Protein backbone atom coordinates (compact mmCIF):
# COMPACT_ATOMS: atom_id res chain seq x y z
CA MET A 1 140.76 98.50 61.52
CA LYS A 2 139.50 95.77 63.86
CA HIS A 3 135.78 95.10 63.86
CA ILE A 4 133.75 94.88 67.09
CA ILE A 5 130.30 93.38 66.73
CA ILE A 6 127.84 93.95 69.58
CA ILE A 7 125.03 91.41 69.55
CA GLY A 8 121.99 92.93 71.26
CA GLY A 9 120.87 96.56 71.10
CA GLY A 10 119.74 96.91 74.69
CA ALA A 11 121.13 98.87 77.64
CA ALA A 12 124.44 96.98 77.96
CA GLY A 13 125.14 96.80 74.21
CA PHE A 14 124.41 100.47 73.59
CA PHE A 15 126.27 101.78 76.62
CA CYS A 16 129.28 99.74 75.56
CA ALA A 17 129.18 101.19 72.03
CA ALA A 18 128.77 104.69 73.46
CA ASN A 19 132.00 104.30 75.46
CA LEU A 20 134.19 102.62 72.83
CA ASP A 21 136.98 104.45 71.05
CA ALA A 22 135.65 104.70 67.49
CA THR A 23 139.00 105.87 66.16
CA LYS A 24 140.41 102.42 66.97
CA TYR A 25 137.52 100.21 65.90
CA LYS A 26 134.73 99.72 63.40
CA ILE A 27 131.65 99.08 65.58
CA THR A 28 128.40 97.37 64.54
CA ILE A 29 125.35 96.63 66.70
CA LEU A 30 123.06 93.77 65.63
CA GLU A 31 119.51 93.91 67.08
CA GLN A 32 116.85 91.34 66.24
CA ASN A 33 113.87 93.65 66.96
CA SER A 34 112.80 96.59 64.81
CA ASP A 35 113.64 99.00 67.66
CA VAL A 36 116.69 99.30 69.89
CA LEU A 37 116.64 99.96 73.66
CA GLN A 38 113.12 98.61 74.07
CA LYS A 39 113.49 97.78 77.77
CA VAL A 40 114.94 101.22 78.48
CA LYS A 41 111.89 102.75 76.79
CA ILE A 42 109.28 101.00 78.96
CA SER A 43 111.24 100.92 82.22
CA GLY A 44 109.82 102.81 85.19
CA GLY A 45 106.48 103.27 83.45
CA GLY A 46 108.17 105.02 80.51
CA ARG A 47 110.20 107.31 82.79
CA CYS A 48 113.30 105.04 82.87
CA ASN A 49 114.64 104.24 86.33
CA VAL A 50 118.26 104.81 85.25
CA THR A 51 119.96 103.73 88.48
CA HIS A 52 119.70 103.88 92.27
CA ALA A 53 121.34 106.46 94.52
CA CYS A 54 123.48 103.97 96.43
CA PHE A 55 127.11 104.99 96.14
CA ASP A 56 128.85 102.39 98.30
CA PRO A 57 129.64 99.25 96.25
CA ARG A 58 129.45 97.06 99.39
CA GLU A 59 125.91 98.30 100.05
CA LEU A 60 124.96 98.21 96.38
CA VAL A 61 125.70 94.50 95.90
CA GLN A 62 123.18 93.65 98.64
CA PHE A 63 120.41 94.31 96.08
CA TYR A 64 121.54 91.49 93.78
CA PRO A 65 120.27 88.00 94.66
CA ARG A 66 122.60 86.57 92.00
CA GLY A 67 125.93 88.17 91.15
CA ASN A 68 126.51 90.05 94.41
CA LYS A 69 130.06 88.71 95.04
CA GLU A 70 131.15 89.13 91.44
CA LEU A 71 129.76 92.66 91.04
CA LEU A 72 131.68 94.10 93.99
CA SER A 73 134.85 94.62 91.93
CA VAL A 74 132.77 95.87 88.96
CA PHE A 75 131.04 98.53 91.10
CA THR A 76 134.29 99.71 92.67
CA ARG A 77 135.25 100.84 89.15
CA PHE A 78 131.93 102.19 87.86
CA GLN A 79 128.99 102.81 90.19
CA PRO A 80 125.72 104.81 90.20
CA GLY A 81 127.55 108.11 90.77
CA ASP A 82 129.52 107.50 87.58
CA THR A 83 126.35 106.62 85.66
CA MET A 84 124.72 109.86 86.81
CA GLU A 85 127.78 111.87 85.84
CA TRP A 86 127.89 110.19 82.41
CA PHE A 87 124.32 111.18 81.54
CA GLU A 88 124.56 114.63 83.13
CA ASN A 89 127.69 115.34 81.06
CA ARG A 90 125.53 114.62 78.01
CA LYS A 91 122.91 117.18 79.07
CA VAL A 92 120.48 114.74 80.69
CA PRO A 93 119.75 116.19 84.14
CA LEU A 94 118.72 113.48 86.61
CA LYS A 95 116.81 113.55 89.90
CA ILE A 96 116.85 111.31 92.95
CA GLU A 97 113.35 110.49 94.20
CA GLY A 98 112.35 109.85 97.82
CA ASP A 99 113.00 106.12 97.56
CA ASN A 100 116.48 106.77 96.06
CA ARG A 101 115.47 105.70 92.55
CA VAL A 102 117.06 107.91 89.89
CA PHE A 103 115.08 109.23 86.90
CA PRO A 104 115.70 111.82 84.20
CA GLU A 105 114.22 115.20 85.16
CA SER A 106 112.22 115.06 81.95
CA ASN A 107 110.32 112.01 83.30
CA SER A 108 110.78 110.47 79.86
CA SER A 109 112.92 107.47 78.97
CA GLN A 110 113.36 109.04 75.52
CA THR A 111 115.93 111.51 76.91
CA ILE A 112 118.09 108.59 78.09
CA ILE A 113 117.67 106.85 74.73
CA ASN A 114 118.48 110.06 72.80
CA ALA A 115 121.70 110.61 74.79
CA MET A 116 122.96 107.15 73.82
CA LEU A 117 121.77 107.42 70.21
CA GLU A 118 123.55 110.75 69.84
CA GLU A 119 126.73 109.32 71.33
CA ILE A 120 126.84 106.37 68.94
CA ARG A 121 125.93 108.58 65.94
CA SER A 122 128.91 110.79 66.72
CA LYS A 123 131.05 107.63 66.64
CA ASN A 124 129.57 106.34 63.35
CA VAL A 125 128.44 103.11 65.00
CA GLU A 126 126.43 101.09 62.53
CA VAL A 127 123.13 99.72 63.87
CA LYS A 128 121.40 96.85 62.07
CA THR A 129 117.83 96.21 63.27
CA LYS A 130 115.66 93.20 62.36
CA CYS A 131 118.94 91.30 62.29
CA SER A 132 118.58 87.97 64.00
CA VAL A 133 121.71 85.96 64.77
CA LYS A 134 121.46 82.31 63.79
CA GLN A 135 124.91 80.99 64.54
CA ILE A 136 128.40 82.05 65.58
CA GLU A 137 131.46 80.16 64.35
CA LYS A 138 134.98 80.49 65.65
CA GLN A 139 137.47 80.89 62.83
CA GLU A 140 141.18 81.63 62.91
CA GLY A 141 141.46 84.64 65.20
CA LYS A 142 137.98 85.81 64.17
CA TYR A 143 134.29 85.01 64.48
CA LEU A 144 131.81 84.44 61.67
CA ILE A 145 128.31 85.55 62.64
CA GLN A 146 125.50 84.18 60.49
CA THR A 147 122.37 86.34 60.59
CA SER A 148 119.08 86.91 58.79
CA LEU A 149 120.83 89.81 57.00
CA GLY A 150 123.82 87.76 55.86
CA ASP A 151 127.22 86.98 57.37
CA PHE A 152 129.42 89.32 59.44
CA GLU A 153 133.03 88.89 60.46
CA ALA A 154 134.17 90.09 63.88
CA ASP A 155 137.53 90.42 65.61
CA TYR A 156 135.74 90.95 68.91
CA ILE A 157 132.23 90.06 70.02
CA ILE A 158 130.27 91.73 72.80
CA TYR A 159 127.35 89.46 73.63
CA SER A 160 124.56 91.44 75.31
CA THR A 161 121.43 89.76 74.01
CA GLY A 162 119.27 89.66 77.12
CA SER A 163 118.05 86.31 78.35
CA SER A 164 116.12 84.91 75.41
CA PRO A 165 116.36 81.10 75.23
CA LYS A 166 117.57 81.34 71.62
CA SER A 167 120.53 83.57 72.50
CA LEU A 168 121.45 81.28 75.40
CA LYS A 169 121.41 78.26 73.07
CA ILE A 170 123.85 80.02 70.72
CA ILE A 171 126.30 80.82 73.51
CA GLU A 172 125.90 77.32 74.97
CA SER A 173 126.84 75.85 71.57
CA LEU A 174 130.09 77.84 71.83
CA GLY A 175 130.97 76.05 75.08
CA HIS A 176 129.45 78.17 77.86
CA ASN A 177 127.47 76.56 80.67
CA ILE A 178 123.94 77.94 81.17
CA ILE A 179 122.17 78.06 84.55
CA ASP A 180 118.46 77.33 84.03
CA LEU A 181 116.28 80.40 83.55
CA VAL A 182 113.52 81.14 86.05
CA PRO A 183 111.44 84.32 86.45
CA SER A 184 112.46 86.78 89.14
CA LEU A 185 110.56 89.89 90.33
CA PHE A 186 106.95 88.77 90.18
CA THR A 187 103.76 89.34 92.13
CA PHE A 188 101.87 86.63 94.01
CA ASN A 189 98.49 85.34 92.84
CA ILE A 190 96.24 84.84 95.87
CA LYS A 191 92.50 84.31 96.17
CA ASP A 192 91.38 85.19 99.69
CA ASN A 193 88.36 86.95 101.19
CA LEU A 194 90.61 89.36 103.04
CA LEU A 195 91.91 90.80 99.74
CA LYS A 196 88.72 90.60 97.66
CA ASP A 197 87.71 93.93 96.01
CA LEU A 198 90.50 95.81 97.82
CA ALA A 199 92.84 96.28 94.82
CA GLY A 200 94.83 99.50 95.21
CA THR A 201 94.99 99.31 99.01
CA SER A 202 98.58 99.88 100.10
CA PHE A 203 100.61 99.55 103.29
CA GLU A 204 103.61 101.74 103.97
CA MET A 205 105.60 99.02 105.72
CA ALA A 206 104.69 95.36 105.88
CA GLU A 207 106.60 92.16 106.56
CA THR A 208 106.33 89.07 104.40
CA SER A 209 107.76 85.63 105.02
CA ILE A 210 107.68 82.20 103.41
CA PRO A 211 107.80 79.86 106.42
CA LYS A 212 108.83 76.83 104.37
CA LEU A 213 111.94 78.66 103.11
CA LYS A 214 112.65 80.46 106.41
CA THR A 215 112.96 83.72 104.52
CA GLU A 216 111.51 87.17 105.17
CA GLU A 217 111.45 90.65 103.65
CA SER A 218 109.90 93.99 104.53
CA GLY A 219 108.79 97.06 102.61
CA PRO A 220 105.71 98.69 101.12
CA LEU A 221 102.93 96.25 100.17
CA LEU A 222 100.10 96.57 97.65
CA ILE A 223 96.88 94.60 97.17
CA THR A 224 96.23 93.99 93.45
CA HIS A 225 93.38 92.41 91.47
CA TRP A 226 95.36 89.16 91.49
CA GLY A 227 96.80 89.14 94.99
CA LEU A 228 99.80 90.91 96.49
CA SER A 229 102.61 93.06 95.07
CA GLY A 230 104.93 95.89 96.13
CA PRO A 231 108.57 95.75 97.29
CA ALA A 232 107.83 93.42 100.25
CA ILE A 233 106.66 90.79 97.73
CA LEU A 234 109.01 91.59 94.82
CA LYS A 235 112.11 91.34 97.02
CA ILE A 236 111.14 87.92 98.33
CA SER A 237 110.30 86.77 94.78
CA ALA A 238 113.77 87.80 93.59
CA TRP A 239 115.77 86.27 96.44
CA GLU A 240 113.79 83.03 96.32
CA ALA A 241 113.28 82.88 92.53
CA VAL A 242 114.92 79.47 92.15
CA ASN A 243 113.16 77.89 95.15
CA LEU A 244 109.72 79.26 94.20
CA ALA A 245 110.11 77.85 90.68
CA LYS A 246 110.89 74.43 92.24
CA MET A 247 107.69 74.78 94.30
CA LYS A 248 105.79 75.52 91.07
CA TYR A 249 104.58 78.81 92.61
CA ASN A 250 102.39 76.96 95.09
CA PHE A 251 103.30 77.88 98.66
CA GLU A 252 102.20 79.69 101.81
CA VAL A 253 103.17 83.28 102.52
CA GLU A 254 102.67 84.95 105.89
CA VAL A 255 101.98 88.69 105.98
CA ASN A 256 102.27 91.17 108.82
CA PHE A 257 100.34 94.17 107.46
CA ILE A 258 101.33 96.53 110.28
CA SER A 259 104.94 95.42 110.96
CA LYS A 260 104.25 95.01 114.66
CA SER A 261 104.73 92.00 116.93
CA LEU A 262 101.62 90.34 118.39
CA ASP A 263 102.53 91.72 121.83
CA SER A 264 102.96 95.33 120.76
CA ALA A 265 99.78 95.17 118.62
CA GLU A 266 97.91 93.87 121.68
CA GLU A 267 99.33 96.68 123.81
CA ILE A 268 98.12 99.31 121.29
CA PHE A 269 94.69 97.63 121.22
CA GLN A 270 94.41 97.56 125.05
CA GLN A 271 95.39 101.23 125.34
CA PHE A 272 92.77 102.18 122.75
CA LYS A 273 90.19 100.07 124.61
CA GLN A 274 90.88 101.93 127.86
CA SER A 275 90.69 105.40 126.32
CA ASN A 276 87.71 104.76 123.96
CA PRO A 277 85.49 102.16 125.67
CA LYS A 278 82.21 103.48 124.24
CA LYS A 279 83.25 103.68 120.59
CA THR A 280 82.00 100.93 118.31
CA ILE A 281 84.76 98.70 116.94
CA GLY A 282 83.65 99.45 113.35
CA GLN A 283 84.44 103.14 113.86
CA SER A 284 87.69 102.48 115.67
CA LYS A 285 90.52 102.27 113.21
CA ILE A 286 93.08 101.32 115.85
CA PHE A 287 96.02 100.78 113.49
CA ASP A 288 97.50 102.74 110.59
CA ILE A 289 95.57 101.04 107.78
CA THR A 290 92.75 102.16 105.49
CA ASN A 291 89.20 102.19 106.75
CA ARG A 292 88.09 99.66 104.15
CA PHE A 293 90.84 97.26 105.14
CA TRP A 294 89.97 97.64 108.85
CA GLN A 295 86.32 96.83 108.11
CA ARG A 296 87.40 93.74 106.13
CA ILE A 297 89.71 92.58 108.94
CA LEU A 298 86.76 92.77 111.35
CA GLU A 299 84.54 90.96 108.87
CA VAL A 300 86.93 88.02 108.35
CA SER A 301 87.54 87.92 112.12
CA ASN A 302 83.74 87.54 112.67
CA ILE A 303 83.39 90.69 114.76
CA ASP A 304 80.10 92.61 115.04
CA LEU A 305 80.97 96.10 113.76
CA ASN A 306 78.49 97.72 116.16
CA LYS A 307 80.00 96.16 119.27
CA GLN A 308 81.52 98.62 121.73
CA VAL A 309 85.28 98.44 122.04
CA ALA A 310 84.97 97.75 125.81
CA ASN A 311 83.00 94.58 125.02
CA ILE A 312 85.52 93.07 122.62
CA SER A 313 86.65 89.81 124.24
CA LYS A 314 90.25 88.64 124.48
CA LYS A 315 89.48 85.91 121.92
CA GLU A 316 88.04 88.45 119.47
CA MET A 317 91.01 90.76 119.93
CA ASP A 318 93.39 87.84 119.31
CA ARG A 319 91.60 86.99 116.06
CA ILE A 320 91.86 90.61 114.82
CA ILE A 321 95.56 90.85 115.72
CA GLU A 322 96.32 87.43 114.20
CA ASN A 323 94.76 88.54 110.88
CA LEU A 324 96.74 91.78 110.95
CA CYS A 325 100.12 90.41 112.04
CA LYS A 326 100.26 86.74 111.07
CA LYS A 327 97.86 86.26 108.17
CA LYS A 328 98.68 83.19 106.09
CA PHE A 329 97.80 83.15 102.39
CA GLN A 330 98.01 80.33 99.88
CA VAL A 331 99.84 81.48 96.75
CA THR A 332 98.66 79.70 93.60
CA GLY A 333 100.78 81.31 90.90
CA LYS A 334 102.61 84.45 89.82
CA SER A 335 102.17 87.46 87.53
CA THR A 336 104.89 89.44 85.80
CA PHE A 337 105.61 92.73 87.56
CA LYS A 338 104.56 95.51 85.15
CA ASP A 339 106.66 95.20 81.97
CA GLU A 340 109.87 94.71 83.88
CA PHE A 341 110.37 91.06 83.13
CA VAL A 342 113.53 89.92 84.86
CA THR A 343 115.01 86.45 84.85
CA ALA A 344 117.41 84.61 87.12
CA GLY A 345 119.73 82.20 85.35
CA GLY A 346 121.93 82.58 82.29
CA VAL A 347 125.65 82.25 81.59
CA ASP A 348 127.49 80.70 84.55
CA LEU A 349 129.42 83.45 86.38
CA LYS A 350 132.39 81.16 87.03
CA GLU A 351 133.14 81.41 83.31
CA ILE A 352 133.48 85.21 83.29
CA ASN A 353 136.50 87.35 84.16
CA PHE A 354 134.95 90.21 86.13
CA LYS A 355 138.00 92.45 85.69
CA ASN A 356 136.83 93.14 82.13
CA MET A 357 133.70 90.96 81.57
CA SER A 358 135.55 88.72 79.11
CA SER A 359 134.71 85.07 78.59
CA LYS A 360 137.18 82.63 80.15
CA ILE A 361 136.18 80.14 77.46
CA LEU A 362 136.14 82.17 74.25
CA PRO A 363 138.96 84.51 73.14
CA ASN A 364 138.09 88.16 72.34
CA PHE A 365 134.52 87.55 73.51
CA TYR A 366 132.79 89.71 76.15
CA ILE A 367 129.46 89.12 77.87
CA ALA A 368 127.21 91.68 79.61
CA GLY A 369 123.66 92.31 80.73
CA GLU A 370 120.82 89.95 81.44
CA VAL A 371 122.31 87.06 79.47
CA LEU A 372 124.48 86.54 82.59
CA ASN A 373 123.19 84.81 85.72
CA ILE A 374 122.86 88.19 87.45
CA ASP A 375 119.66 89.89 88.54
CA ALA A 376 118.52 92.43 91.07
CA VAL A 377 115.48 93.62 92.94
CA THR A 378 113.48 96.48 91.45
CA GLY A 379 114.75 100.07 91.71
CA GLY A 380 117.23 100.72 88.90
CA PHE A 381 119.72 98.01 89.93
CA ASN A 382 119.38 95.79 86.85
CA PHE A 383 120.26 98.75 84.62
CA GLN A 384 123.19 99.71 86.85
CA ALA A 385 124.71 96.24 86.38
CA CYS A 386 124.37 96.74 82.59
CA TRP A 387 126.00 100.19 82.62
CA SER A 388 128.89 99.06 84.82
CA GLU A 389 129.61 95.85 82.92
CA ALA A 390 129.44 97.66 79.57
CA TRP A 391 131.78 100.40 80.76
CA LEU A 392 134.36 97.83 81.89
CA ILE A 393 134.27 96.12 78.47
CA ALA A 394 134.71 99.45 76.65
CA GLN A 395 137.69 100.41 78.87
CA ASP A 396 139.32 97.05 78.28
CA LEU A 397 138.97 97.28 74.49
CA ASN A 398 140.04 100.94 74.43
CA ASN A 399 143.24 100.00 76.30
CA LEU A 400 144.22 97.13 74.01
């Protein structure tokens, strides 16, 4: 019986094992940590954001800054609807939340983990934890894998290690080209009076842009203790991951907190002025923002809070609107977004056959998951790439 060794006990490795035909193969998973599926466990605050309810592959690939062209054919064969069906068939009911993220109804990542553990137990897949791979050698028609638990011989390797530098060095030594790793999905560190002591303040729809890179994004925005976060920031950090690394995370970001043009904000202000001339500006929350944020905007715009709205000059109004719609911040660094550490970079996609995720360089060698130069914005997309790639590998091996 041929032996498949899966290196890496994360989402891609496990899902692959769960879909392999165990009557055809002996299957072993090697995981260097003491626990498997660690990222699955902590994802989505421990609830596990399994996938995203986007069922059109052409739309789905738009969420991947790297890998979008290559994943189109992958998603036409296994997409979020298939993932949902797979887990629901194994008695894990799922739910689609308002923002289209998909979670288990149990709100616990453990139910996702249990479904995969049960599947591989039923297939007698052997799992070796605390097993760190040191080297892989090509031998005649086989691979010798040297690990901290001794040597293993494999007819096929599925390499799904995640993006640790050590695992990339091993695959590079076998002849693969590695695109430099840089963080993706991070929040911006900003020190600015406008944000001071306002952590937790959120905006339903804001626009962010990095003028130097001529790039912009929109979405919910959140003020944190360190600066700014939320989808409007995370999306721009993912799409511009490589450029922001080159800039050493020192750049200017422009924020429009109310997603309105200067002209339409001025129009709203003028209308309010006409209908409420006697109100003081401090009590006049003209736009859809929190009271505390409105007070701070007035403060940094040097406006007397007790001034009547009718007496606000054109210059004062311009300052308020400028701070709301075109506020420039200096970013001086980044922070990892929650525990969802995602990297751009990894194995060069030109060296992968996306019909079955096999290496074009190494025979009987498949690669999946974050070790590839593929990453997505937040929302369940990174997992979906893992599930789809793993499924393709399993189908290919099952059909051999």
